[in-house]
Amino acid sequence: MRRFFDYESIFLPYERELSGALYRILLMALLFKGDLSLTLTKEKASINVSVNRLERLFQEYLPQYDQLKALHPELGACYGMILQEFRQMLSL
């Protein structure tokens, strides 16, 4: 996760909270079957670069992430929702 925050310095003030939110969604994916996403916002486009970067890091550093992603293809959308929420917090 440290690498993600190096790339995305905008999120540094909320690093601990954001890391916790991302780890929680990964734990939910490991423990539960079915769709983890809630109602998705239409504002995903601006956060796609961050989601792609985060997923590349997870693929590189988390064993069996590809298998988890195959079971939960909605993970990228969930990351986007989390990142969008923190980006909105930063803009307040």
Protein backbone atom coordinates (compact mmCIF):
# COMPACT_ATOMS: atom_id res chain seq x y z
CA MET A 1 0.00 0.00 0.00
CA ARG A 2 2.89 2.35 0.65
CA ARG A 3 3.65 2.38 -3.08
CA PHE A 4 0.10 3.39 -3.89
CA PHE A 5 0.33 6.38 -1.56
CA ASP A 6 3.68 7.35 -3.08
CA TYR A 7 1.94 7.46 -6.47
CA GLU A 8 -1.25 9.06 -5.15
CA SER A 9 0.08 11.72 -2.79
CA ILE A 10 -3.36 13.38 -2.81
CA PHE A 11 -4.54 10.60 -0.45
CA LEU A 12 -1.64 10.86 2.04
CA PRO A 13 -3.63 12.79 4.70
CA TYR A 14 -6.08 9.86 4.87
CA GLU A 15 -3.59 7.03 4.37
CA ARG A 16 -4.56 5.04 7.47
CA GLU A 17 -8.32 5.33 6.94
CA LEU A 18 -8.08 4.61 3.21
CA SER A 19 -5.83 1.59 3.77
CA GLY A 20 -8.31 0.26 6.32
CA ALA A 21 -11.23 0.66 3.91
CA LEU A 22 -9.36 -1.13 1.11
CA TYR A 23 -8.29 -3.98 3.39
CA ARG A 24 -11.87 -4.39 4.64
CA ILE A 25 -13.18 -4.78 1.09
CA LEU A 26 -10.46 -7.36 0.36
CA LEU A 27 -11.34 -9.29 3.52
CA MET A 28 -15.02 -9.24 2.57
CA ALA A 29 -14.09 -10.59 -0.85
CA LEU A 30 -12.11 -13.41 0.76
CA LEU A 31 -14.88 -14.31 3.18
CA PHE A 32 -18.08 -13.87 1.17
CA LYS A 33 -19.49 -14.87 -2.19
CA GLY A 34 -21.72 -12.69 -4.28
CA ASP A 35 -21.61 -9.08 -5.41
CA LEU A 36 -19.85 -6.75 -2.95
CA SER A 37 -20.68 -3.53 -4.74
CA LEU A 38 -23.38 -1.18 -3.58
CA THR A 39 -25.14 1.28 -5.85
CA LEU A 40 -22.34 2.59 -8.02
CA THR A 41 -21.85 6.25 -8.70
CA LYS A 42 -21.55 7.54 -12.24
CA GLU A 43 -18.36 9.42 -11.31
CA LYS A 44 -15.96 6.48 -11.73
CA ALA A 45 -14.18 7.83 -14.81
CA SER A 46 -11.96 10.33 -12.99
CA ILE A 47 -10.68 7.70 -10.59
CA ASN A 48 -9.95 4.92 -13.11
CA VAL A 49 -6.18 5.61 -13.23
CA SER A 50 -5.98 5.21 -9.45
CA VAL A 51 -8.03 2.00 -9.54
CA ASN A 52 -5.82 0.53 -12.28
CA ARG A 53 -2.67 1.42 -10.34
CA LEU A 54 -4.09 -0.11 -7.16
CA GLU A 55 -5.09 -3.32 -8.94
CA ARG A 56 -1.63 -3.64 -10.53
CA LEU A 57 -0.04 -3.35 -7.09
CA PHE A 58 -2.42 -5.93 -5.64
CA GLN A 59 -1.64 -8.32 -8.51
CA GLU A 60 2.06 -7.85 -7.92
CA TYR A 61 2.11 -8.14 -4.13
CA LEU A 62 -0.95 -10.13 -3.03
CA PRO A 63 -0.74 -13.86 -3.66
CA GLN A 64 -3.74 -15.26 -5.48
CA TYR A 65 -5.22 -11.82 -6.16
CA ASP A 66 -6.10 -12.90 -9.70
CA GLN A 67 -8.21 -15.76 -8.31
CA LEU A 68 -9.94 -13.37 -5.91
CA LYS A 69 -10.60 -10.95 -8.78
CA ALA A 70 -12.09 -13.81 -10.83
CA LEU A 71 -14.55 -14.54 -7.99
CA HIS A 72 -15.30 -10.85 -7.43
CA PRO A 73 -15.03 -8.89 -10.70
CA GLU A 74 -16.74 -5.99 -8.93
CA LEU A 75 -13.63 -5.27 -6.82
CA GLY A 76 -12.43 -2.54 -9.18
CA ALA A 77 -15.76 -0.76 -8.88
CA CYS A 78 -15.59 -1.09 -5.08
CA TYR A 79 -12.10 0.44 -5.04
CA GLY A 80 -13.39 3.26 -7.22
CA MET A 81 -16.21 3.96 -4.77
CA ILE A 82 -13.77 4.03 -1.83
CA LEU A 83 -11.27 6.27 -3.62
CA GLN A 84 -14.03 8.61 -4.81
CA GLU A 85 -15.31 8.96 -1.25
CA PHE A 86 -11.87 9.92 0.04
CA ARG A 87 -11.28 12.28 -2.87
CA GLN A 88 -14.54 14.05 -1.97
CA MET A 89 -13.40 14.29 1.66
CA LEU A 90 -10.18 15.95 0.50
CA SER A 91 -12.08 18.52 -1.56
CA LEU A 92 -14.13 19.76 1.42
